[in-house]
C-alpha atoms as a PDB file:
ATOM      1  CA  MET A   1       2.382  -1.291 -20.670  1.00  0.00           C
ATOM      2  CA  GLU A   2       2.362  -2.303 -16.776  1.00  0.00           C
ATOM      3  CA  TYR A   3       5.141  -0.585 -14.213  1.00  0.00           C
ATOM      4  CA  GLN A   4       4.673  -2.198 -10.447  1.00  0.00           C
ATOM      5  CA  ALA A   5       6.604  -1.994  -7.397  1.00  0.00           C
ATOM      6  CA  ILE A   6       5.927  -4.056  -3.954  1.00  0.00           C
ATOM      7  CA  ALA A   7       6.561  -3.240  -0.803  1.00  0.00           C
ATOM      8  CA  LYS A   8       6.705  -6.511   1.608  1.00  0.00           C
ATOM      9  CA  TYR A   9       6.404  -6.798   5.586  1.00  0.00           C
ATOM     10  CA  ILE A  10       4.714  -3.381   6.834  1.00  0.00           C
ATOM     11  CA  ARG A  11       3.733  -3.586  10.537  1.00  0.00           C
ATOM     12  CA  MET A  12       0.574  -3.058   9.656  1.00  0.00           C
ATOM     13  CA  SER A  13      -3.100  -4.806   9.484  1.00  0.00           C
ATOM     14  CA  PRO A  14      -3.894  -5.160   5.962  1.00  0.00           C
ATOM     15  CA  ARG A  15      -7.271  -4.220   7.104  1.00  0.00           C
ATOM     16  CA  LYS A  16      -6.357  -0.561   7.872  1.00  0.00           C
ATOM     17  CA  VAL A  17      -4.110  -0.213   4.895  1.00  0.00           C
ATOM     18  CA  ARG A  18      -7.071  -1.123   2.354  1.00  0.00           C
ATOM     19  CA  LEU A  19      -8.936   1.668   4.112  1.00  0.00           C
ATOM     20  CA  VAL A  20      -6.700   4.229   2.527  1.00  0.00           C
ATOM     21  CA  ALA A  21      -5.820   2.141  -0.603  1.00  0.00           C
ATOM     22  CA  HIS A  22      -9.676   2.133  -1.727  1.00  0.00           C
ATOM     23  CA  ALA A  23      -9.651   5.747  -1.108  1.00  0.00           C
ATOM     24  CA  VAL A  24      -6.831   6.799  -4.063  1.00  0.00           C
ATOM     25  CA  LYS A  25      -7.661   3.960  -5.997  1.00  0.00           C
ATOM     26  CA  ARG A  26      -9.674   6.186  -8.568  1.00  0.00           C
ATOM     27  CA  LEU A  27      -6.858   9.233  -8.417  1.00  0.00           C
ATOM     28  CA  THR A  28      -4.147   9.614 -10.947  1.00  0.00           C
ATOM     29  CA  PRO A  29      -0.687   8.547  -9.776  1.00  0.00           C
ATOM     30  CA  PRO A  30       0.524  12.071  -9.309  1.00  0.00           C
ATOM     31  CA  MET A  31      -2.789  13.436  -7.492  1.00  0.00           C
ATOM     32  CA  ALA A  32      -2.687   9.937  -5.456  1.00  0.00           C
ATOM     33  CA  LEU A  33       0.441  10.884  -4.642  1.00  0.00           C
ATOM     34  CA  LEU A  34      -0.422  14.338  -2.991  1.00  0.00           C
ATOM     35  CA  ARG A  35      -2.945  13.137  -1.712  1.00  0.00           C
ATOM     36  CA  LEU A  36      -1.826  10.773   0.400  1.00  0.00           C
ATOM     37  CA  ARG A  37       0.974  12.585   1.788  1.00  0.00           C
ATOM     38  CA  GLU A  38      -1.539  14.717   3.065  1.00  0.00           C
ATOM     39  CA  LEU A  39      -3.633  12.081   4.677  1.00  0.00           C
ATOM     40  CA  SER A  40      -4.137  11.783   8.728  1.00  0.00           C
ATOM     41  CA  LYS A  41      -4.172   8.312   8.687  1.00  0.00           C
ATOM     42  CA  ARG A  42      -0.719   6.347   9.548  1.00  0.00           C
ATOM     43  CA  ALA A  43      -1.365   3.522   6.408  1.00  0.00           C
ATOM     44  CA  GLY A  44      -1.070   6.343   3.895  1.00  0.00           C
ATOM     45  CA  GLU A  45       2.898   6.598   3.898  1.00  0.00           C
ATOM     46  CA  PRO A  46       3.706   3.180   3.401  1.00  0.00           C
ATOM     47  CA  ILE A  47       1.405   3.474   0.114  1.00  0.00           C
ATOM     48  CA  ALA A  48       2.515   6.670  -0.636  1.00  0.00           C
ATOM     49  CA  ASP A  49       6.200   5.136  -0.530  1.00  0.00           C
ATOM     50  CA  VAL A  50       5.322   2.317  -3.217  1.00  0.00           C
ATOM     51  CA  VAL A  51       3.068   5.114  -5.465  1.00  0.00           C
ATOM     52  CA  ALA A  52       6.414   6.752  -5.471  1.00  0.00           C
ATOM     53  CA  SER A  53       8.643   4.198  -6.033  1.00  0.00           C
ATOM     54  CA  VAL A  54       5.767   2.928  -9.164  1.00  0.00           C
ATOM     55  CA  ILE A  55       6.686   7.128 -10.266  1.00  0.00           C
ATOM     56  CA  ALA A  56      10.285   6.646 -10.097  1.00  0.00           C
ATOM     57  CA  ASN A  57       9.828   3.259 -12.335  1.00  0.00           C
ATOM     58  CA  VAL A  58       7.698   4.810 -15.036  1.00  0.00           C
ATOM     59  CA  LYS A  59      10.417   7.921 -15.697  1.00  0.00           C
ATOM     60  CA  ASP A  60      13.288   5.395 -15.510  1.00  0.00           C
ATOM     61  CA  LYS A  61      11.568   3.543 -18.045  1.00  0.00           C
ATOM     62  CA  LYS A  62      10.932   6.970 -20.007  1.00  0.00           C
ATOM     63  CA  ALA A  63       6.898   7.026 -20.253  1.00  0.00           C
ATOM     64  CA  ASP A  64       4.802   9.878 -19.650  1.00  0.00           C
ATOM     65  CA  ILE A  65       3.530   9.813 -15.887  1.00  0.00           C
ATOM     66  CA  THR A  66       0.157  11.887 -16.957  1.00  0.00           C
ATOM     67  CA  LYS A  67      -1.446   9.333 -19.203  1.00  0.00           C
ATOM     68  CA  MET A  68      -0.962   6.438 -16.574  1.00  0.00           C
ATOM     69  CA  ARG A  69      -3.726   5.321 -14.379  1.00  0.00           C
ATOM     70  CA  PHE A  70      -3.717   2.610 -11.254  1.00  0.00           C
ATOM     71  CA  LYS A  71      -4.527  -0.707 -12.324  1.00  0.00           C
ATOM     72  CA  SER A  72      -4.590  -2.502  -9.207  1.00  0.00           C
ATOM     73  CA  ILE A  73      -3.495  -2.033  -5.580  1.00  0.00           C
ATOM     74  CA  GLU A  74      -3.428  -5.241  -4.044  1.00  0.00           C
ATOM     75  CA  VAL A  75      -2.584  -5.215   0.061  1.00  0.00           C
ATOM     76  CA  SER A  76      -2.491  -9.188   1.216  1.00  0.00           C
ATOM     77  CA  HIS A  77      -1.779 -10.627   4.440  1.00  0.00           C
ATOM     78  CA  GLY A  78       1.726 -10.435   5.139  1.00  0.00           C
ATOM     79  CA  PRO A  79       2.818 -13.017   8.149  1.00  0.00           C
ATOM     80  CA  ALA A  80       1.873 -12.528  11.749  1.00  0.00           C
ATOM     81  CA  MET A  81       3.722 -12.233  14.787  1.00  0.00           C
ATOM     82  CA  LYS A  82       2.067 -14.593  17.605  1.00  0.00           C
ATOM     83  CA  ARG A  83       2.502 -12.719  21.121  1.00  0.00           C
ATOM     84  CA  ILE A  84       1.202 -13.596  24.512  1.00  0.00           C
ATOM     85  CA  ARG A  85      -0.554 -11.614  27.019  1.00  0.00           C
ATOM     86  CA  ALA A  86      -0.324 -12.492  30.802  1.00  0.00           C
ATOM     87  CA  VAL A  87      -3.735 -12.399  32.467  1.00  0.00           C
ATOM     88  CA  SER A  88      -5.133 -13.594  35.763  1.00  0.00           C
ATOM     89  CA  ARG A  89      -4.360 -16.635  37.673  1.00  0.00           C
ATOM     90  CA  GLY A  90      -1.165 -17.158  35.673  1.00  0.00           C
ATOM     91  CA  GLN A  91      -2.609 -17.585  32.223  1.00  0.00           C
ATOM     92  CA  ALA A  92      -2.088 -15.778  28.921  1.00  0.00           C
ATOM     93  CA  HIS A  93      -4.389 -14.839  25.897  1.00  0.00           C
ATOM     94  CA  ALA A  94      -2.450 -14.605  22.253  1.00  0.00           C
ATOM     95  CA  TYR A  95      -3.098 -12.312  20.032  1.00  0.00           C
ATOM     96  CA  LYS A  96      -1.575 -11.802  16.419  1.00  0.00           C
ATOM     97  CA  LYS A  97       0.722  -8.570  15.333  1.00  0.00           C
ATOM     98  CA  ARG A  98      -0.420  -8.406  11.645  1.00  0.00           C
ATOM     99  CA  MET A  99       1.946  -7.607   8.593  1.00  0.00           C
ATOM    100  CA  THR A 100       1.088  -6.773   5.411  1.00  0.00           C
ATOM    101  CA  HIS A 101       2.461  -6.972   1.400  1.00  0.00           C
ATOM    102  CA  ILE A 102       1.270  -3.963  -0.914  1.00  0.00           C
ATOM    103  CA  ARG A 103       1.372  -3.732  -4.567  1.00  0.00           C
ATOM    104  CA  VAL A 104       1.181  -1.389  -6.915  1.00  0.00           C
ATOM    105  CA  ILE A 105       0.532  -1.496 -10.585  1.00  0.00           C
ATOM    106  CA  LEU A 106       0.237   1.199 -12.858  1.00  0.00           C
ATOM    107  CA  THR A 107      -1.013   0.679 -16.535  1.00  0.00           C
ATOM    108  CA  ASP A 108      -1.036   3.414 -20.001  1.00  0.00           C
ATOM    109  CA  GLU A 109      -3.764   1.313 -21.618  1.00  0.00           C
ATOM    110  CA  GLY A 110      -6.810   2.690 -21.802  1.00  0.00           C
ATOM    111  CA  ALA A 111      -5.854   6.138 -20.966  1.00  0.00           C
ATOM    112  CA  LYS A 112      -7.597   9.139 -22.791  1.00  0.00           C
END
């Protein structure tokens, strides 16, 4: 059985979030949640929220969380807000404020 949770429009670059997601992908969900809460990276908080949500989904269906493993932690691009910054001689340089979508999928297949 698979369980999932999604967080959309996180105001953080997907590249920064992927670094944190890759660090906890091999852990069990409860251990990953503990590690994310103590991590010094700012991206740890939104991933921890999604992992906590998927753990709540598992408990709501009365499944055993100790047998669950991460099937995937997907970090994808969301929309980007386009902004400009004033520079010399009346010109403007464009930059993007990027957003992220996070999807966490847990499965009990392959559990020992």
